[in-house]
């Protein structure tokens, strides 16, 4: 009897030890403590463009654990989608729930995929639908964590990388990329700390050519805070207190900024929402021609001092929701302070990022510059 008792006790102890080994608690980017599997193998992502970040952390197929996501990556970045599905055909077979982002999701569609963890992006605006999705999933026993790679980028990018590294058991890769990111960000801030001249005024124009109104911009977060970090005096800062907002034409003309920066993300065929061509597979000539053509058809923009004096830049919009934005910060700095950052080579930084961290080859054009008087 004593031997049987000891055997049962040992089995209980082993079971408890095994249960402990298969679970851990993490703190997500909303400050929530969440119990998750020790090694989650069935992820649902609230945004397929989270693949940009997974690719930094997961060796081989970066979506190897993903069982579902929305269709925002093929919709908004067809070039990167084609690169990843060519390299890893299994990615194309992952179920897509709608063509948009997180707000198109519902728990009823996610539950049949049997995820063991759902990773959602923090958004600039929350809604009751967002909270309902989280609560329904958690009631079904599926843990939900949030990352922030699109709102408070300076505060939350590295914590999000560390969190994902912990979740995926890729802490060493997360630390290696974090060091790369911090080194490049520190180089910008340290040089600006010794600059005591006047800050150049700058207009940040999101989605040039995609919308009829003038002009969508970012201020209190996202690319707006990266622009401030790089030393720009945003002309929208005194009138827009949110992350995103609209500049009216009168405001733009009155400000007449020193520097103009537009974003876009169309492919070589000008597909999807914009004809501002930037990103993988886009040639320098295609990027330059599309930018020049769009400005020529915008009377307000074409008459700005920045455009006429050769201080107009276009940059790949999808930098805005990945840690690759470290390269965009370098571009901002170079556009704003060409003399101070004359030796800075963002192209080399981007190529290094690809070569050191990503599983696909570098290609394409991610910015263009109108350098001559018109």
Protein backbone atom coordinates (compact mmCIF):
# COMPACT_ATOMS: atom_id res chain seq x y z
CA UNK A 1 0.00 0.00 0.00
CA UNK A 2 2.80 2.36 0.90
CA UNK A 3 4.49 1.72 -2.46
CA UNK A 4 1.20 2.38 -4.29
CA UNK A 5 0.73 5.63 -2.35
CA UNK A 6 4.25 6.79 -3.21
CA UNK A 7 3.72 5.91 -6.86
CA UNK A 8 0.49 7.94 -7.03
CA UNK A 9 2.13 10.86 -5.24
CA UNK A 10 5.01 10.81 -7.69
CA UNK A 11 2.62 10.80 -10.64
CA UNK A 12 0.76 13.81 -9.21
CA UNK A 13 4.04 15.68 -8.72
CA UNK A 14 5.12 14.91 -12.27
CA UNK A 15 1.75 16.05 -13.61
CA UNK A 16 1.99 19.31 -11.68
CA UNK A 17 5.57 19.86 -12.86
CA UNK A 18 4.52 19.23 -16.45
CA UNK A 19 1.60 21.68 -16.14
CA UNK A 20 3.93 24.36 -14.79
CA UNK A 21 6.40 23.82 -17.62
CA UNK A 22 3.71 24.33 -20.25
CA UNK A 23 2.56 27.75 -19.03
CA UNK A 24 3.94 31.19 -18.31
CA UNK A 25 2.65 34.67 -17.62
CA UNK A 26 3.62 37.71 -19.69
CA UNK A 27 2.76 41.38 -19.45
CA UNK A 28 1.47 42.78 -22.72
CA UNK A 29 1.69 46.33 -24.06
CA UNK A 30 -1.54 47.35 -22.35
CA UNK A 31 -0.05 46.31 -19.00
CA UNK A 32 -2.26 43.20 -18.80
CA UNK A 33 -0.83 40.06 -17.19
CA UNK A 34 -1.78 37.13 -19.39
CA UNK A 35 -1.18 33.41 -18.89
CA UNK A 36 -0.08 31.86 -22.19
CA UNK A 37 1.27 28.50 -23.39
CA UNK A 38 4.97 28.05 -22.82
CA UNK A 39 5.56 27.42 -26.51
CA UNK A 40 2.49 28.52 -28.51
CA UNK A 41 2.19 26.72 -31.82
CA UNK A 42 -1.15 28.01 -33.17
CA UNK A 43 -1.11 31.81 -33.41
CA UNK A 44 -3.84 34.01 -34.76
CA UNK A 45 -2.61 37.49 -35.69
CA UNK A 46 -4.94 40.47 -35.70
CA UNK A 47 -2.95 41.93 -38.57
CA UNK A 48 -1.02 40.03 -41.22
CA UNK A 49 1.51 42.86 -41.48
CA UNK A 50 2.76 41.62 -38.11
CA UNK A 51 4.69 39.32 -40.41
CA UNK A 52 7.21 42.16 -40.78
CA UNK A 53 8.07 41.74 -37.10
CA UNK A 54 7.78 37.95 -36.90
CA UNK A 55 10.30 37.80 -39.73
CA UNK A 56 12.87 39.41 -37.44
CA UNK A 57 12.38 36.74 -34.79
CA UNK A 58 11.44 33.43 -36.37
CA UNK A 59 14.10 31.53 -38.33
CA UNK A 60 12.93 30.05 -41.61
CA UNK A 61 9.25 30.55 -42.39
CA UNK A 62 8.27 33.49 -40.16
CA UNK A 63 4.60 32.43 -40.25
CA UNK A 64 5.29 28.82 -39.32
CA UNK A 65 3.03 29.04 -36.23
CA UNK A 66 0.27 31.19 -37.74
CA UNK A 67 -3.14 29.56 -38.27
CA UNK A 68 -5.02 32.66 -39.40
CA UNK A 69 -4.95 36.42 -39.97
CA UNK A 70 -6.70 39.17 -41.96
CA UNK A 71 -5.73 39.96 -45.55
CA UNK A 72 -4.15 43.36 -44.97
CA UNK A 73 -0.64 42.35 -46.10
CA UNK A 74 -1.62 41.18 -49.61
CA UNK A 75 -4.02 44.11 -49.85
CA UNK A 76 -1.70 46.91 -48.79
CA UNK A 77 1.72 45.45 -49.61
CA UNK A 78 1.30 43.03 -52.49
CA UNK A 79 5.03 43.18 -53.26
CA UNK A 80 6.12 41.90 -49.83
CA UNK A 81 3.33 39.32 -49.90
CA UNK A 82 4.64 37.99 -53.20
CA UNK A 83 8.21 37.87 -51.85
CA UNK A 84 7.22 35.89 -48.76
CA UNK A 85 4.84 33.50 -50.50
CA UNK A 86 7.46 32.79 -53.18
CA UNK A 87 10.03 31.98 -50.50
CA UNK A 88 7.55 30.12 -48.26
CA UNK A 89 4.54 28.87 -50.29
CA UNK A 90 2.79 27.61 -47.14
CA UNK A 91 2.12 31.24 -46.17
CA UNK A 92 -0.37 31.59 -49.03
CA UNK A 93 -2.43 28.73 -47.55
CA UNK A 94 -2.98 30.40 -44.16
CA UNK A 95 -6.71 31.24 -43.80
CA UNK A 96 -7.49 34.92 -44.28
CA UNK A 97 -10.42 36.42 -42.41
CA UNK A 98 -11.43 39.38 -44.54
CA UNK A 99 -9.24 41.77 -46.48
CA UNK A 100 -8.84 44.45 -43.86
CA UNK A 101 -7.34 44.93 -40.44
CA UNK A 102 -8.32 44.03 -36.88
CA UNK A 103 -11.70 45.78 -36.92
CA UNK A 104 -13.04 43.33 -39.50
CA UNK A 105 -12.48 40.36 -37.17
CA UNK A 106 -15.03 38.45 -35.15
CA UNK A 107 -14.56 35.68 -32.61
CA UNK A 108 -16.94 33.31 -34.39
CA UNK A 109 -14.58 33.15 -37.36
CA UNK A 110 -11.44 32.83 -35.23
CA UNK A 111 -12.57 30.08 -32.85
CA UNK A 112 -12.78 27.26 -35.46
CA UNK A 113 -9.07 27.81 -36.20
CA UNK A 114 -8.32 26.64 -32.64
CA UNK A 115 -5.54 29.14 -31.85
CA UNK A 116 -3.68 28.75 -28.60
CA UNK A 117 -2.79 32.47 -28.58
CA UNK A 118 -4.19 35.57 -30.29
CA UNK A 119 -1.89 38.55 -30.86
CA UNK A 120 -3.66 41.84 -31.53
CA UNK A 121 -2.17 45.22 -32.46
CA UNK A 122 -2.88 48.25 -30.35
CA UNK A 123 -4.80 50.74 -32.49
CA UNK A 124 -4.90 54.53 -32.44
CA UNK A 125 -8.60 54.36 -31.55
CA UNK A 126 -10.34 51.65 -29.56
CA UNK A 127 -13.96 50.60 -29.92
CA UNK A 128 -16.51 48.44 -28.15
CA UNK A 129 -16.03 45.85 -30.91
CA UNK A 130 -12.34 45.54 -30.00
CA UNK A 131 -13.17 44.90 -26.34
CA UNK A 132 -15.94 42.44 -27.25
CA UNK A 133 -13.55 40.42 -29.42
CA UNK A 134 -11.01 40.15 -26.62
CA UNK A 135 -13.61 39.19 -24.02
CA UNK A 136 -15.24 36.54 -26.22
CA UNK A 137 -11.91 34.91 -26.98
CA UNK A 138 -10.87 34.89 -23.34
CA UNK A 139 -14.21 33.39 -22.27
CA UNK A 140 -13.47 30.60 -24.75
CA UNK A 141 -10.15 29.99 -23.00
CA UNK A 142 -7.95 31.59 -25.66
CA UNK A 143 -5.39 34.06 -24.27
CA UNK A 144 -5.08 37.44 -25.99
CA UNK A 145 -2.06 39.75 -25.87
CA UNK A 146 -1.53 43.18 -27.39
CA UNK A 147 1.58 44.59 -29.01
CA UNK A 148 2.12 48.18 -30.13
CA UNK A 149 4.04 48.69 -33.33
CA UNK A 150 1.93 51.51 -34.74
CA UNK A 151 0.93 54.08 -32.08
CA UNK A 152 3.56 54.95 -29.45
CA UNK A 153 6.55 53.77 -31.43
CA UNK A 154 9.30 55.34 -29.35
CA UNK A 155 7.89 53.94 -26.12
CA UNK A 156 6.58 50.56 -27.24
CA UNK A 157 8.59 49.20 -30.16
CA UNK A 158 11.37 47.58 -28.14
CA UNK A 159 9.00 46.33 -25.42
CA UNK A 160 6.87 44.75 -28.16
CA UNK A 161 9.94 43.06 -29.64
CA UNK A 162 10.94 41.78 -26.21
CA UNK A 163 7.40 40.55 -25.53
CA UNK A 164 7.23 38.65 -28.81
CA UNK A 165 10.68 37.23 -28.19
CA UNK A 166 9.50 35.96 -24.82
CA UNK A 167 6.24 34.59 -26.21
CA UNK A 168 7.96 32.75 -29.07
CA UNK A 169 11.00 31.71 -27.03
CA UNK A 170 13.19 33.79 -29.35
CA UNK A 171 14.68 36.05 -26.69
CA UNK A 172 18.19 36.00 -28.14
CA UNK A 173 17.03 37.06 -31.60
CA UNK A 174 14.86 39.76 -30.02
CA UNK A 175 17.84 41.07 -28.07
CA UNK A 176 20.07 41.10 -31.15
CA UNK A 177 17.59 43.13 -33.19
CA UNK A 178 16.88 45.44 -30.24
CA UNK A 179 20.58 46.26 -30.00
CA UNK A 180 20.70 47.02 -33.74
CA UNK A 181 17.62 49.26 -33.45
CA UNK A 182 18.87 51.10 -30.37
CA UNK A 183 22.30 51.72 -31.85
CA UNK A 184 20.84 53.47 -34.88
CA UNK A 185 18.28 55.46 -32.90
CA UNK A 186 20.94 56.59 -30.42
CA UNK A 187 23.18 57.79 -33.25
CA UNK A 188 20.42 60.16 -34.40
CA UNK A 189 19.51 61.48 -30.95
CA UNK A 190 23.13 61.99 -29.90
CA UNK A 191 24.00 64.03 -32.96
CA UNK A 192 20.85 66.15 -32.63
CA UNK A 193 21.68 66.78 -28.97
CA UNK A 194 24.70 68.82 -30.11
CA UNK A 195 22.72 70.81 -32.69
CA UNK A 196 21.60 74.23 -31.49
CA UNK A 197 20.21 75.79 -34.66
CA UNK A 198 16.61 76.31 -35.69
CA UNK A 199 14.46 73.28 -36.38
CA UNK A 200 13.22 73.05 -39.97
CA UNK A 201 9.46 73.17 -40.43
CA UNK A 202 8.08 70.08 -42.12
CA UNK A 203 4.83 68.81 -43.59
CA UNK A 204 4.15 65.08 -43.25
CA UNK A 205 1.58 64.00 -45.84
CA UNK A 206 0.28 60.45 -45.50
CA UNK A 207 -0.96 58.55 -48.59
CA UNK A 208 -0.16 61.03 -51.32
CA UNK A 209 -2.48 60.29 -54.26
CA UNK A 210 -4.70 57.89 -52.34
CA UNK A 211 -7.19 60.39 -50.96
CA UNK A 212 -8.99 63.33 -52.49
CA UNK A 213 -8.69 65.55 -49.42
CA UNK A 214 -5.64 67.56 -48.38
CA UNK A 215 -3.97 66.39 -46.30
CA UNK A 216 -3.89 63.46 -43.87
CA UNK A 217 -1.04 63.71 -41.41
CA UNK A 218 0.28 62.25 -38.13
CA UNK A 219 1.32 64.21 -35.04
CA UNK A 220 0.71 62.71 -31.60
CA UNK A 221 2.16 59.27 -32.27
CA UNK A 222 3.14 56.97 -35.11
CA UNK A 223 5.21 58.70 -37.83
CA UNK A 224 4.48 62.06 -36.21
CA UNK A 225 6.49 61.21 -33.12
CA UNK A 226 9.29 59.73 -35.22
CA UNK A 227 9.44 62.99 -37.15
CA UNK A 228 9.72 64.93 -33.89
CA UNK A 229 12.43 62.54 -32.69
CA UNK A 230 14.37 63.30 -35.88
CA UNK A 231 14.22 67.02 -35.13
CA UNK A 232 11.33 68.16 -37.29
CA UNK A 233 9.00 71.06 -36.44
CA UNK A 234 5.70 69.58 -37.64
CA UNK A 235 3.40 72.25 -39.06
CA UNK A 236 0.38 70.31 -37.75
CA UNK A 237 1.57 70.16 -34.14
CA UNK A 238 -0.30 73.27 -33.01
CA UNK A 239 -3.65 72.27 -34.53
CA UNK A 240 -3.87 68.46 -34.24
CA UNK A 241 -3.60 66.81 -30.85
CA UNK A 242 -4.46 63.26 -31.89
CA UNK A 243 -2.34 60.62 -33.62
CA UNK A 244 -3.89 61.37 -37.02
CA UNK A 245 -5.66 64.39 -38.43
CA UNK A 246 -6.33 66.50 -41.51
CA UNK A 247 -4.48 69.62 -42.60
CA UNK A 248 -6.54 72.04 -44.67
CA UNK A 249 -5.02 73.71 -47.75
CA UNK A 250 -4.99 77.14 -46.14
CA UNK A 251 -2.91 75.83 -43.25
CA UNK A 252 -0.45 74.20 -45.64
CA UNK A 253 -0.03 77.34 -47.75
CA UNK A 254 0.34 79.60 -44.71
CA UNK A 255 2.97 77.34 -43.14
CA UNK A 256 4.92 76.92 -46.39
CA UNK A 257 7.28 74.37 -44.75
CA UNK A 258 11.00 74.00 -45.31
CA UNK A 259 10.61 70.26 -45.98
CA UNK A 260 7.79 68.21 -47.51
CA UNK A 261 7.56 64.44 -46.86
CA UNK A 262 4.91 62.23 -48.45
CA UNK A 263 4.20 58.53 -47.92
CA UNK A 264 2.92 55.92 -50.34
CA UNK A 265 2.98 52.18 -50.93
CA UNK A 266 1.89 51.21 -54.45
CA UNK A 267 3.65 48.54 -56.46
CA UNK A 268 5.27 48.88 -59.89
CA UNK A 269 1.89 48.77 -61.62
CA UNK A 270 0.48 51.48 -59.39
CA UNK A 271 -2.04 49.01 -58.04
CA UNK A 272 -4.22 49.36 -55.00
CA UNK A 273 -4.95 52.76 -53.54
CA UNK A 274 -2.11 54.94 -54.68
CA UNK A 275 0.11 55.66 -57.60
CA UNK A 276 2.99 56.76 -55.40
CA UNK A 277 5.20 53.77 -56.11
CA UNK A 278 7.52 52.64 -53.32
CA UNK A 279 8.60 49.37 -51.75
CA UNK A 280 9.87 45.99 -52.98
CA UNK A 281 10.25 45.56 -56.76
CA UNK A 282 9.86 49.30 -57.45
CA UNK A 283 12.71 50.82 -59.44
CA UNK A 284 14.28 54.17 -58.61
CA UNK A 285 12.92 55.59 -61.85
CA UNK A 286 9.37 54.38 -61.14
CA UNK A 287 9.47 55.87 -57.66
CA UNK A 288 10.85 59.17 -58.93
CA UNK A 289 8.42 59.47 -61.84
CA UNK A 290 5.34 58.66 -59.75
CA UNK A 291 6.31 61.20 -57.10
CA UNK A 292 7.02 63.94 -59.62
CA UNK A 293 3.79 63.27 -61.52
CA UNK A 294 1.63 63.36 -58.41
CA UNK A 295 3.10 66.64 -57.23
CA UNK A 296 2.59 68.18 -60.66
CA UNK A 297 -1.12 67.43 -60.37
CA UNK A 298 -1.39 69.00 -56.91
CA UNK A 299 -1.26 72.82 -57.36
CA UNK A 300 -1.04 73.52 -53.63
CA UNK A 301 1.82 71.11 -53.08
CA UNK A 302 3.76 71.93 -56.23
CA UNK A 303 3.99 75.59 -55.18
CA UNK A 304 5.39 74.91 -51.75
CA UNK A 305 8.85 76.26 -51.04
CA UNK A 306 10.05 72.78 -50.07
CA UNK A 307 9.09 71.33 -53.45
CA UNK A 308 10.47 74.22 -55.47
CA UNK A 309 13.76 74.22 -53.58
CA UNK A 310 14.37 70.50 -53.86
CA UNK A 311 13.47 69.47 -50.32
CA UNK A 312 10.58 67.15 -51.14
CA UNK A 313 10.78 63.46 -50.25
CA UNK A 314 8.57 60.41 -50.60
CA UNK A 315 8.91 57.42 -48.27
CA UNK A 316 7.40 53.94 -48.05
CA UNK A 317 4.26 54.13 -45.94
CA UNK A 318 4.49 50.63 -44.47
CA UNK A 319 7.49 51.66 -42.41
CA UNK A 320 4.82 53.02 -40.05
CA UNK A 321 3.88 49.68 -38.47
CA UNK A 322 7.09 47.74 -38.20
CA UNK A 323 10.40 48.09 -36.38
CA UNK A 324 11.91 48.80 -39.81
CA UNK A 325 10.88 52.41 -39.09
CA UNK A 326 14.38 52.84 -37.65
CA UNK A 327 15.39 53.33 -41.29
CA UNK A 328 12.67 55.94 -41.79
CA UNK A 329 14.01 57.87 -38.79
CA UNK A 330 17.36 58.03 -40.56
CA UNK A 331 15.60 59.24 -43.71
CA UNK A 332 13.74 61.91 -41.74
CA UNK A 333 17.00 63.11 -40.20
CA UNK A 334 18.75 63.25 -43.56
CA UNK A 335 15.85 65.10 -45.19
CA UNK A 336 15.63 67.63 -42.36
CA UNK A 337 19.36 68.15 -41.76
CA UNK A 338 21.22 67.27 -44.96
CA UNK A 339 24.50 68.80 -43.77
CA UNK A 340 24.39 67.44 -40.22
CA UNK A 341 23.67 63.93 -41.52
CA UNK A 342 25.61 64.08 -44.78
CA UNK A 343 27.45 60.86 -43.92
CA UNK A 344 24.33 58.94 -42.92
CA UNK A 345 23.44 56.09 -45.32
CA UNK A 346 19.89 54.81 -44.65
CA UNK A 347 20.11 52.56 -47.70
CA UNK A 348 23.00 50.71 -46.08
CA UNK A 349 21.03 50.41 -42.84
CA UNK A 350 18.05 48.92 -44.67
CA UNK A 351 20.22 46.46 -46.58
CA UNK A 352 21.93 45.44 -43.33
CA UNK A 353 18.55 44.91 -41.71
CA UNK A 354 17.53 42.59 -44.54
CA UNK A 355 20.81 40.71 -44.65
CA UNK A 356 21.15 40.27 -40.91
CA UNK A 357 17.55 39.65 -39.85
CA UNK A 358 15.15 38.83 -42.69
CA UNK A 359 14.64 35.60 -44.66
CA UNK A 360 14.02 37.28 -48.03
CA UNK A 361 16.32 39.22 -50.36
CA UNK A 362 16.39 42.99 -50.39
CA UNK A 363 14.88 44.64 -53.45
CA UNK A 364 13.08 47.80 -54.45
CA UNK A 365 13.06 51.51 -53.69
CA UNK A 366 11.78 52.82 -50.39
CA UNK A 367 12.14 56.58 -50.87
CA UNK A 368 12.69 59.18 -53.55
CA UNK A 369 13.77 62.80 -53.60
CA UNK A 370 13.03 65.76 -55.82
CA UNK A 371 16.44 67.34 -55.60
CA UNK A 372 16.39 70.13 -58.20
CA UNK A 373 14.49 73.37 -58.58
CA UNK A 374 11.45 73.11 -60.79
